[in-house]
N, C-alpha and C. Protein backbone atom coordinates (compact mmCIF):
# COMPACT_ATOMS: atom_id res chain seq x y z
N MET A 1 11.68 142.15 103.33
CA MET A 1 10.91 141.07 102.30
C MET A 1 10.81 139.94 103.51
N THR A 2 9.62 139.66 103.75
CA THR A 2 9.04 138.47 104.82
C THR A 2 8.34 138.05 103.99
N SER A 3 8.40 136.52 104.45
CA SER A 3 8.00 135.41 104.22
C SER A 3 6.57 134.99 105.39
N THR A 4 5.68 134.10 104.40
CA THR A 4 4.58 133.75 105.46
C THR A 4 5.01 132.31 105.52
N PRO A 5 4.68 131.28 106.54
CA PRO A 5 4.89 130.17 107.07
C PRO A 5 3.89 129.56 106.10
N THR A 6 4.70 128.15 105.10
CA THR A 6 3.69 127.35 104.71
C THR A 6 3.27 126.23 105.28
N GLY A 7 3.47 126.13 106.32
CA GLY A 7 3.15 124.81 107.18
C GLY A 7 2.51 125.13 108.70
N PRO A 8 2.16 124.46 109.21
CA PRO A 8 1.89 124.89 110.95
C PRO A 8 3.39 125.56 111.60
N ARG A 9 3.11 126.46 112.48
CA ARG A 9 4.44 127.12 112.80
C ARG A 9 4.83 126.44 114.24
N THR A 10 6.10 126.78 114.28
CA THR A 10 6.92 125.97 115.30
C THR A 10 7.22 127.12 116.63
N ARG A 11 6.72 127.13 117.73
CA ARG A 11 6.62 127.89 118.83
C ARG A 11 8.39 128.03 119.22
N ALA A 12 8.93 129.00 119.37
CA ALA A 12 10.36 129.10 119.91
C ALA A 12 10.69 128.81 121.17
N SER A 13 11.56 128.40 121.47
CA SER A 13 11.94 128.20 123.10
C SER A 13 12.92 129.30 123.23
N ASP A 14 12.64 129.30 124.57
CA ASP A 14 13.74 130.12 125.18
C ASP A 14 15.49 129.61 124.85
N THR A 15 15.88 128.55 124.82
CA THR A 15 17.11 128.65 123.91
C THR A 15 17.49 129.34 123.12
N GLU A 16 16.51 129.17 121.97
CA GLU A 16 16.62 129.88 120.76
C GLU A 16 16.47 131.67 120.86
N ARG A 17 15.46 131.82 121.42
CA ARG A 17 15.15 133.28 122.05
C ARG A 17 16.65 133.76 122.45
N GLU A 18 17.28 133.24 123.27
CA GLU A 18 18.44 133.72 123.92
C GLU A 18 19.73 133.56 123.02
N GLN A 19 19.82 132.53 122.19
CA GLN A 19 20.92 132.66 121.00
C GLN A 19 20.78 133.69 120.19
N VAL A 20 19.50 134.41 119.39
CA VAL A 20 19.32 135.38 118.84
C VAL A 20 19.92 136.48 119.73
N ALA A 21 19.41 136.68 120.43
CA ALA A 21 19.56 137.63 121.69
C ALA A 21 21.27 137.68 121.74
N THR A 22 21.73 136.59 121.97
CA THR A 22 23.31 136.74 121.96
C THR A 22 23.87 137.46 120.69
N ILE A 23 23.38 136.91 119.64
CA ILE A 23 23.78 137.55 118.38
C ILE A 23 23.54 138.88 117.77
N LEU A 24 22.19 139.21 118.66
CA LEU A 24 22.32 140.85 118.34
C LEU A 24 22.91 141.68 119.26
N ARG A 25 23.18 140.79 120.49
CA ARG A 25 24.35 141.73 121.33
C ARG A 25 25.71 142.19 120.93
N ALA A 26 25.99 140.54 120.49
CA ALA A 26 27.44 140.72 119.52
C ALA A 26 27.19 141.72 118.41
N ALA A 27 26.43 141.69 117.83
CA ALA A 27 26.14 142.85 116.41
C ALA A 27 26.59 144.51 116.92
N MET A 28 25.61 144.69 118.32
CA MET A 28 25.86 145.58 119.17
C MET A 28 27.46 145.97 119.82
N THR A 29 27.94 145.47 119.94
CA THR A 29 29.32 145.49 120.98
C THR A 29 29.80 145.55 119.41
N GLU A 30 29.95 145.15 118.31
CA GLU A 30 30.93 145.20 117.21
C GLU A 30 30.36 146.52 116.28
N GLY A 31 29.47 146.97 116.86
CA GLY A 31 29.22 148.50 116.03
C GLY A 31 28.56 148.41 114.67
N ARG A 32 27.50 147.16 114.78
CA ARG A 32 26.88 146.80 113.18
C ARG A 32 25.27 146.87 113.43
N LEU A 33 24.91 146.99 114.67
CA LEU A 33 23.75 147.89 115.02
C LEU A 33 23.95 148.80 116.21
N ASP A 34 22.90 150.14 115.69
CA ASP A 34 23.30 151.23 116.90
C ASP A 34 22.48 150.61 117.77
N LEU A 35 22.43 151.52 118.98
CA LEU A 35 21.75 151.40 120.24
C LEU A 35 20.49 151.17 120.25
N ALA A 36 19.77 152.00 119.39
CA ALA A 36 18.10 152.11 119.38
C ALA A 36 17.63 150.89 118.42
N THR A 37 18.56 150.52 117.32
CA THR A 37 18.07 149.45 116.47
C THR A 37 18.24 147.74 117.40
N GLY A 38 19.33 148.06 117.90
CA GLY A 38 19.61 146.64 118.92
C GLY A 38 18.49 146.25 119.70
N GLU A 39 18.30 147.66 120.35
CA GLU A 39 17.12 147.32 121.89
C GLU A 39 15.89 146.97 121.18
N GLU A 40 15.94 147.81 120.36
CA GLU A 40 14.45 147.32 119.26
C GLU A 40 14.10 145.84 119.41
N ARG A 41 15.41 145.24 118.29
CA ARG A 41 15.34 143.66 118.14
C ARG A 41 15.35 142.76 118.88
N LEU A 42 16.42 143.70 119.95
CA LEU A 42 16.39 142.80 121.53
C LEU A 42 15.17 142.56 122.27
N ALA A 43 14.31 143.25 122.00
CA ALA A 43 12.29 143.51 122.62
C ALA A 43 11.69 142.55 121.50
N ALA A 44 11.96 142.43 120.53
CA ALA A 44 11.39 141.71 119.37
C ALA A 44 11.44 140.42 119.52
N ALA A 45 13.08 139.96 120.20
CA ALA A 45 13.35 138.76 120.25
C ALA A 45 12.91 138.08 121.36
N TYR A 46 12.95 138.83 122.47
CA TYR A 46 12.04 138.35 123.63
C TYR A 46 10.77 138.30 123.12
N ALA A 47 10.11 138.90 122.50
CA ALA A 47 8.56 138.67 122.61
C ALA A 47 8.04 137.58 121.68
N ALA A 48 9.21 137.16 120.57
CA ALA A 48 8.82 136.09 119.78
C ALA A 48 7.98 135.00 120.37
N THR A 49 7.12 134.50 119.68
CA THR A 49 6.44 133.51 120.04
C THR A 49 6.87 132.31 119.05
N PHE A 50 7.15 132.51 118.07
CA PHE A 50 7.43 131.56 116.83
C PHE A 50 8.81 131.59 116.10
N ARG A 51 8.93 130.80 115.61
CA ARG A 51 10.52 130.25 114.92
C ARG A 51 10.65 131.59 113.91
N ASP A 52 9.53 131.61 113.16
CA ASP A 52 9.91 132.01 112.00
C ASP A 52 9.64 134.01 112.21
N GLU A 53 9.49 134.43 113.33
CA GLU A 53 9.64 135.57 113.89
C GLU A 53 11.48 135.99 114.11
N LEU A 54 12.15 134.85 114.62
CA LEU A 54 13.23 135.11 114.95
C LEU A 54 14.21 135.56 113.87
N GLY A 55 13.81 135.01 112.81
CA GLY A 55 14.92 134.89 111.50
C GLY A 55 14.88 136.11 110.90
N PRO A 56 14.11 137.48 110.60
CA PRO A 56 14.48 138.55 110.07
C PRO A 56 14.83 139.84 110.98
N LEU A 57 15.21 139.04 112.17
CA LEU A 57 15.76 139.62 113.35
C LEU A 57 17.72 139.88 112.82
N THR A 58 17.94 139.00 112.55
CA THR A 58 19.25 138.85 111.99
C THR A 58 19.90 138.30 110.72
N THR A 59 19.17 138.63 109.81
CA THR A 59 18.85 138.14 108.51
C THR A 59 20.45 139.50 107.84
N ASP A 60 20.34 140.54 108.27
CA ASP A 60 21.48 141.58 107.03
C ASP A 60 22.72 141.47 108.24
N LEU A 61 22.70 140.78 109.19
CA LEU A 61 24.17 140.43 110.16
C LEU A 61 24.89 139.29 108.94
N PRO A 62 25.67 139.51 108.72
CA PRO A 62 27.19 138.80 108.11
C PRO A 62 26.78 137.11 108.93
N ASP A 63 26.57 136.34 108.15
CA ASP A 63 26.51 134.91 108.65
C ASP A 63 25.23 134.79 109.22
N GLY A 64 24.32 135.44 108.90
CA GLY A 64 23.25 135.44 110.29
C GLY A 64 23.84 135.63 111.42
N GLY A 65 24.84 136.51 111.89
CA GLY A 65 25.48 136.35 113.17
C GLY A 65 25.92 135.01 113.98
N ARG A 66 25.67 133.83 113.08
CA ARG A 66 26.44 132.64 113.77
C ARG A 66 27.77 132.71 114.24
N ARG A 67 28.80 133.67 113.62
CA ARG A 67 29.78 133.51 114.14
C ARG A 67 29.75 133.88 115.81
N ALA A 68 29.01 134.56 116.09
CA ALA A 68 28.66 135.40 117.48
C ALA A 68 28.18 134.10 118.36
N LEU A 69 27.67 132.92 117.89
CA LEU A 69 27.31 132.08 118.87
C LEU A 69 28.71 131.29 118.89
N ALA A 70 29.67 131.08 118.05
CA ALA A 70 30.43 130.12 117.90
C ALA A 70 31.52 131.13 118.95
N GLU A 71 31.39 132.18 119.09
CA GLU A 71 32.31 132.77 120.11
C GLU A 71 32.40 133.04 121.59
N THR A 72 30.76 132.52 121.99
CA THR A 72 30.79 132.28 123.19
C THR A 72 31.20 131.26 124.18
N PRO A 73 31.28 131.52 125.38
CA PRO A 73 32.37 130.73 126.18
C PRO A 73 31.71 129.45 126.50
N GLU A 74 30.44 129.43 126.27
CA GLU A 74 30.12 127.83 126.50
C GLU A 74 30.28 127.37 124.88
N ALA A 75 30.53 127.78 123.91
CA ALA A 75 30.51 126.90 122.67
C ALA A 75 32.05 126.49 122.91
N LYS A 76 33.07 127.73 123.27
CA LYS A 76 34.35 127.27 123.32
C LYS A 76 34.79 126.11 124.15
N ALA A 77 34.10 126.23 125.53
CA ALA A 77 33.88 124.83 126.51
C ALA A 77 33.44 123.36 125.69
N GLN A 78 32.66 123.85 124.86
CA GLN A 78 32.22 122.35 124.34
C GLN A 78 33.22 122.04 123.36
N VAL A 79 33.78 122.69 122.87
CA VAL A 79 35.33 122.35 121.65
C VAL A 79 35.88 121.67 122.61
N ARG A 80 36.57 122.51 123.22
CA ARG A 80 37.68 122.06 124.71
C ARG A 80 37.12 120.28 124.49
N ARG A 81 35.88 120.48 125.28
CA ARG A 81 35.77 119.18 126.10
C ARG A 81 35.69 118.02 125.05
N PHE A 82 35.08 118.12 123.31
CA PHE A 82 35.13 117.60 122.46
C PHE A 82 36.78 116.78 121.89
N VAL A 83 37.58 117.91 121.95
CA VAL A 83 39.14 117.47 121.64
C VAL A 83 39.24 116.81 122.44
N ARG A 84 39.31 117.13 124.17
CA ARG A 84 39.98 116.22 125.10
C ARG A 84 39.27 114.95 125.03
N GLN A 85 38.03 114.71 124.80
CA GLN A 85 37.46 113.68 124.74
C GLN A 85 38.23 112.41 123.65
N ARG A 86 38.34 113.22 122.57
CA ARG A 86 39.17 112.64 121.54
C ARG A 86 40.63 112.15 121.87
N ALA A 87 41.39 113.43 122.44
CA ALA A 87 42.22 113.02 122.65
C ALA A 87 42.33 111.69 123.66
N VAL A 88 41.82 111.78 124.73
CA VAL A 88 42.04 110.41 125.81
C VAL A 88 41.95 109.53 125.09
N VAL A 89 40.54 109.26 123.80
CA VAL A 89 40.43 107.78 123.28
C VAL A 89 41.96 107.41 122.31
N PHE A 90 42.69 108.31 121.93
CA PHE A 90 43.68 108.50 121.10
C PHE A 90 44.60 107.64 121.61
N VAL A 91 45.36 108.48 122.78
CA VAL A 91 46.02 108.00 123.91
C VAL A 91 45.82 106.50 125.03
N ALA A 92 44.50 106.42 124.96
CA ALA A 92 44.34 105.03 125.69
C ALA A 92 44.55 104.04 124.63
N LEU A 93 44.30 104.09 122.88
CA LEU A 93 44.29 102.83 122.48
C LEU A 93 46.17 103.15 121.96
N ALA A 94 46.55 104.48 121.64
CA ALA A 94 47.87 104.05 121.50
C ALA A 94 48.77 103.41 122.41
N VAL A 95 48.29 103.82 123.97
CA VAL A 95 48.93 102.99 124.81
C VAL A 95 48.85 101.19 124.65
N PHE A 96 47.44 101.24 124.45
CA PHE A 96 47.43 99.48 124.10
C PHE A 96 48.06 98.93 123.59
N PHE A 97 48.06 99.79 122.20
CA PHE A 97 48.78 99.16 120.99
C PHE A 97 50.39 98.98 121.36
N GLY A 98 51.07 100.02 122.13
CA GLY A 98 51.92 99.73 122.27
C GLY A 98 52.63 98.95 123.37
N ALA A 99 51.58 98.17 124.29
CA ALA A 99 51.72 97.40 125.25
C ALA A 99 51.50 96.06 124.74
N LEU A 100 50.55 95.86 123.75
CA LEU A 100 50.57 95.31 122.98
C LEU A 100 52.04 94.36 122.29
N PHE A 101 52.48 95.38 121.78
CA PHE A 101 54.21 95.29 120.83
C PHE A 101 54.74 94.60 122.25
N PHE A 102 54.96 95.39 123.15
CA PHE A 102 56.26 95.05 124.41
C PHE A 102 55.63 93.84 124.70
N ALA A 103 54.28 93.61 124.94
CA ALA A 103 54.05 91.98 125.49
C ALA A 103 54.26 91.05 124.61
N SER A 104 53.90 91.12 123.07
CA SER A 104 54.10 89.92 122.25
C SER A 104 55.51 89.73 121.81
N GLY A 105 56.53 90.74 121.94
CA GLY A 105 57.75 90.80 121.43
C GLY A 105 57.69 90.65 120.13
N ALA A 106 56.86 91.49 119.49
CA ALA A 106 57.07 91.35 117.88
C ALA A 106 58.18 92.27 117.55
N HIS A 107 58.23 92.46 116.08
CA HIS A 107 59.41 92.62 115.51
C HIS A 107 59.20 93.97 114.67
N PHE A 108 57.94 94.50 114.66
CA PHE A 108 57.39 95.67 114.41
C PHE A 108 56.79 96.48 115.33
N PHE A 109 56.61 97.73 115.16
CA PHE A 109 55.89 98.56 116.30
C PHE A 109 54.38 98.95 115.31
N PRO A 110 53.46 98.73 116.27
CA PRO A 110 52.22 99.17 115.48
C PRO A 110 51.34 100.37 115.02
N ILE A 111 52.86 100.93 114.50
CA ILE A 111 52.20 102.22 113.95
C ILE A 111 51.34 102.11 112.71
N VAL A 112 50.77 101.46 111.95
CA VAL A 112 49.93 101.56 110.97
C VAL A 112 48.58 101.56 111.88
N PRO A 113 48.96 100.65 112.63
CA PRO A 113 47.04 100.81 113.34
C PRO A 113 46.88 102.36 114.05
N ILE A 114 48.20 102.49 114.75
CA ILE A 114 47.65 104.00 115.06
C ILE A 114 47.65 104.82 114.34
N ILE A 115 48.25 104.80 112.88
CA ILE A 115 47.77 105.70 111.85
C ILE A 115 46.57 105.76 111.24
N ILE A 116 46.12 104.33 111.44
CA ILE A 116 44.56 104.31 110.63
C ILE A 116 43.70 104.85 112.26
N LEU A 117 44.15 104.91 113.12
CA LEU A 117 43.09 105.29 114.19
C LEU A 117 42.91 106.70 114.46
N LEU A 118 43.98 107.57 114.14
CA LEU A 118 44.14 108.94 113.52
C LEU A 118 43.43 109.22 112.74
N PHE A 119 43.36 108.49 111.63
CA PHE A 119 42.79 108.71 110.39
C PHE A 119 41.05 108.49 110.75
N PHE A 120 40.66 107.54 111.43
CA PHE A 120 39.29 107.52 111.59
C PHE A 120 38.93 108.57 112.50
N LEU A 121 39.92 108.99 113.76
CA LEU A 121 39.13 109.93 114.77
C LEU A 121 39.07 111.23 114.17
N HIS A 122 40.14 111.49 113.36
CA HIS A 122 39.84 112.90 112.80
C HIS A 122 38.79 112.90 111.51
N GLY A 123 38.64 111.77 110.89
CA GLY A 123 37.63 111.87 110.27
C GLY A 123 36.17 112.07 110.52
N ARG A 124 36.40 111.27 111.69
CA ARG A 124 35.02 111.60 112.70
C ARG A 124 34.56 112.93 113.02
N TRP A 125 35.88 113.48 113.96
CA TRP A 125 35.63 114.92 114.11
C TRP A 125 35.33 115.60 113.09
N ARG A 126 36.07 115.69 112.09
CA ARG A 126 35.56 116.37 110.78
C ARG A 126 34.14 116.50 110.19
N TRP A 127 33.35 114.98 110.36
CA TRP A 127 32.18 114.74 110.19
C TRP A 127 31.34 115.41 110.87
N GLY A 128 31.55 115.38 112.39
CA GLY A 128 30.84 115.61 113.32
C GLY A 128 30.66 117.21 113.31
N ARG A 129 31.86 117.89 112.73
CA ARG A 129 31.92 119.35 112.77
C ARG A 129 30.58 119.64 111.37
N ARG A 130 30.87 119.00 110.10
CA ARG A 130 30.03 118.93 108.76
C ARG A 130 28.61 118.80 109.39
N ARG A 131 28.88 118.07 110.22
CA ARG A 131 26.51 117.44 110.32
C ARG A 131 26.43 118.87 111.31
N HIS A 132 26.77 119.16 112.07
CA HIS A 132 26.44 120.19 113.10
C HIS A 132 26.18 121.52 111.82
N TRP A 133 27.24 122.24 111.32
CA TRP A 133 26.94 123.05 110.96
C TRP A 133 25.96 122.65 109.72
N TYR A 134 25.61 121.78 109.07
CA TYR A 134 24.60 121.67 107.95
C TYR A 134 23.43 121.53 109.20
N HIS A 135 23.21 121.25 109.88
CA HIS A 135 21.91 121.14 110.97
C HIS A 135 21.59 122.80 111.29
N GLN A 136 22.74 123.58 111.80
CA GLN A 136 22.88 125.06 111.92
C GLN A 136 22.35 125.72 111.09
N SER A 137 23.10 125.65 109.87
CA SER A 137 22.96 126.24 108.75
C SER A 137 21.85 126.38 107.75
N HIS A 138 21.38 125.06 107.62
CA HIS A 138 19.70 124.40 106.93
C HIS A 138 18.67 124.60 107.57
N ARG A 139 18.35 125.12 108.69
CA ARG A 139 17.39 125.33 109.38
C ARG A 139 16.92 126.27 108.89
N ARG A 140 15.37 125.50 108.33
CA ARG A 140 14.44 126.67 107.51
C ARG A 140 13.68 127.38 108.15
N ASP A 141 13.56 126.95 109.57
CA ASP A 141 12.26 127.51 110.32
C ASP A 141 12.46 129.02 111.07
N TRP A 142 13.68 129.41 111.30
CA TRP A 142 13.72 130.75 111.96
C TRP A 142 15.15 131.08 111.14
N VAL A 143 15.95 130.56 110.21
CA VAL A 143 17.31 131.33 109.89
C VAL A 143 16.52 132.37 108.81
N GLY A 144 17.02 133.15 108.47
CA GLY A 144 16.03 134.54 107.58
C GLY A 144 16.64 134.27 106.43
N ARG A 145 17.69 133.50 105.57
CA ARG A 145 17.87 133.60 104.53
C ARG A 145 17.35 133.45 103.76
N TYR A 146 15.87 132.15 104.17
CA TYR A 146 15.51 131.24 102.99
C TYR A 146 13.74 131.86 103.03
């Protein structure tokens, strides 16, 4: 079942074609696609001009094959970088609050600001992941589920 575009068609970028090719290669590696079908779909992915031509190539794969994109070394490195940045911010602010505690001679340890900081950092992290998932899964132009 194919759908026709209702508005102006958007051209596919090299990055989008590579993402679909990565999904198809992973599906072939997992045994979800046989060699002939996989090669045929890879050729179609690289020959695609518009985004709506890419969607049907991965519609019959679980979750549209998006898990394969999350397992790439680039995606894993991006997650590590993100976690490292959050950890650096948390440690810097915790050291600042600790130094402020010792310098002021206060009778309380600033655990409350540190807990609030953890709460907000964790909340922003989760919101960022939700927003990223939403944009990746609700793109109606080349995701074949629509």
